[in-house]
Amino acid sequence: MKFLFITIFSFILIHPAFSKLEANSTTPKYIGLDVRTGFETRINPANGSLNIPIGDLEKKVISMIPDKSQEIIVFCESGGRSDRAKKILNSMGYKNIKDIKTWRVWNKKYNSNQ
């Protein structure tokens, strides 16, 4: 239980592992949001992104990404769940959402660790 608290706490502070920082800033330029299941992310990782499965998105996103003006780049396996996630996020007041459809695009264009 102690480990879980530490992990959640680090995400609340916008953990650098899933965000890209602006030059000379502590505010991330964007956050990659993978809405696939944990099983899917273990098979095909999207390194440098935050994983919140689509079924948990409404419950968890506000504590993990509290700034509703933050740019969020959302993706999944084929684009269906990322489209749904974008609609959910917009309905919750998040306005700076970019849907890139798949983790493959994230790994190719956004993940500088590839």
Protein backbone atom coordinates (compact mmCIF):
# COMPACT_ATOMS: atom_id res chain seq x y z
CA MET A 1 0.00 0.00 0.00
CA LYS A 2 2.86 2.37 0.79
CA PHE A 3 4.32 1.88 -2.70
CA LEU A 4 0.99 2.67 -4.34
CA PHE A 5 0.77 5.99 -2.46
CA ILE A 6 4.27 6.98 -3.52
CA THR A 7 3.52 6.14 -7.16
CA ILE A 8 0.27 8.11 -7.21
CA PHE A 9 1.93 11.05 -5.44
CA SER A 10 4.69 11.21 -8.05
CA PHE A 11 2.12 11.33 -10.87
CA ILE A 12 0.21 14.17 -9.22
CA LEU A 13 3.35 16.26 -9.44
CA ILE A 14 3.51 15.63 -13.22
CA HIS A 15 6.19 13.00 -13.27
CA PRO A 16 8.83 13.74 -15.93
CA ALA A 17 8.57 10.20 -17.26
CA PHE A 18 5.32 11.02 -19.05
CA SER A 19 5.67 14.70 -19.83
CA LYS A 20 7.81 16.86 -22.07
CA LEU A 21 9.03 20.08 -20.47
CA GLU A 22 9.22 23.46 -22.14
CA ALA A 23 12.74 24.88 -22.20
CA ASN A 24 13.57 26.68 -18.92
CA SER A 25 10.25 25.61 -17.35
CA THR A 26 8.86 23.15 -14.83
CA THR A 27 5.51 23.10 -16.66
CA PRO A 28 5.23 20.26 -19.17
CA LYS A 29 4.61 21.29 -22.77
CA TYR A 30 2.38 18.23 -23.18
CA ILE A 31 1.49 14.96 -21.50
CA GLY A 32 1.07 11.72 -23.41
CA LEU A 33 -2.02 9.86 -22.21
CA ASP A 34 -2.30 6.18 -23.14
CA VAL A 35 -5.86 4.89 -22.53
CA ARG A 36 -5.11 1.24 -23.28
CA THR A 37 -5.22 -1.48 -20.62
CA GLY A 38 -2.18 -2.25 -18.51
CA PHE A 39 -1.83 -5.59 -20.32
CA GLU A 40 -1.70 -3.85 -23.70
CA THR A 41 0.91 -1.36 -22.50
CA ARG A 42 3.14 -4.17 -21.24
CA ILE A 43 3.04 -5.87 -24.66
CA ASN A 44 3.55 -2.67 -26.70
CA PRO A 45 4.90 0.08 -24.42
CA ALA A 46 4.46 3.76 -25.17
CA ASN A 47 7.43 4.96 -23.15
CA GLY A 48 7.25 8.42 -21.68
CA SER A 49 3.44 8.41 -21.43
CA LEU A 50 0.94 8.19 -18.60
CA ASN A 51 -1.37 5.17 -18.68
CA ILE A 52 -4.95 5.55 -17.49
CA PRO A 53 -7.19 2.83 -18.98
CA ILE A 54 -10.34 4.29 -20.58
CA GLY A 55 -12.53 2.62 -17.93
CA ASP A 56 -10.71 4.50 -15.16
CA LEU A 57 -10.31 7.83 -16.93
CA GLU A 58 -13.14 9.79 -15.28
CA LYS A 59 -12.12 8.60 -11.80
CA LYS A 60 -8.36 9.14 -12.07
CA VAL A 61 -7.54 11.92 -14.52
CA ILE A 62 -8.35 14.91 -12.29
CA SER A 63 -5.87 13.74 -9.63
CA MET A 64 -3.19 12.88 -12.17
CA ILE A 65 -3.62 15.86 -14.50
CA PRO A 66 -5.22 18.62 -12.40
CA ASP A 67 -4.48 21.47 -14.86
CA LYS A 68 -7.36 21.47 -17.34
CA SER A 69 -5.47 23.80 -19.70
CA GLN A 70 -2.57 21.31 -19.98
CA GLU A 71 -1.95 19.98 -23.50
CA ILE A 72 -2.79 16.27 -23.48
CA ILE A 73 -1.89 13.97 -26.37
CA VAL A 74 -4.21 10.97 -26.13
CA PHE A 75 -3.87 7.61 -27.90
CA CYS A 76 -4.74 3.92 -27.70
CA GLU A 77 -4.34 0.84 -29.94
CA SER A 78 -6.39 1.83 -33.00
CA GLY A 79 -8.11 5.15 -32.25
CA GLY A 80 -11.54 4.15 -30.93
CA ARG A 81 -10.78 4.56 -27.24
CA SER A 82 -8.69 7.69 -27.79
CA ASP A 83 -11.67 9.29 -29.54
CA ARG A 84 -13.87 8.35 -26.58
CA ALA A 85 -11.23 9.65 -24.15
CA LYS A 86 -11.07 12.99 -25.95
CA LYS A 87 -14.86 13.35 -25.61
CA ILE A 88 -14.73 12.41 -21.91
CA LEU A 89 -11.90 14.86 -21.23
CA ASN A 90 -13.69 17.66 -23.09
CA SER A 91 -16.87 17.01 -21.08
CA MET A 92 -14.78 17.29 -17.89
CA GLY A 93 -13.46 20.70 -18.92
CA TYR A 94 -10.14 19.74 -20.51
CA LYS A 95 -9.84 21.78 -23.69
CA ASN A 96 -6.32 21.24 -25.02
CA ILE A 97 -6.64 17.64 -26.22
CA LYS A 98 -4.96 16.19 -29.29
CA ASP A 99 -6.01 12.70 -30.42
CA ILE A 100 -3.20 11.00 -32.34
CA LYS A 101 -5.09 7.67 -32.42
CA THR A 102 -2.34 5.07 -31.81
CA TRP A 103 0.65 4.36 -29.60
CA ARG A 104 2.67 3.84 -32.78
CA VAL A 105 2.33 7.54 -33.63
CA TRP A 106 3.36 8.42 -30.06
CA ASN A 107 6.48 6.27 -30.30
CA LYS A 108 7.39 7.62 -33.73
CA LYS A 109 6.66 11.36 -33.33
CA TYR A 110 6.52 12.27 -29.64
CA ASN A 111 8.61 9.86 -27.64
CA SER A 112 12.15 11.17 -27.80
CA ASN A 113 13.41 7.98 -26.09
CA GLN A 114 12.80 5.85 -29.19
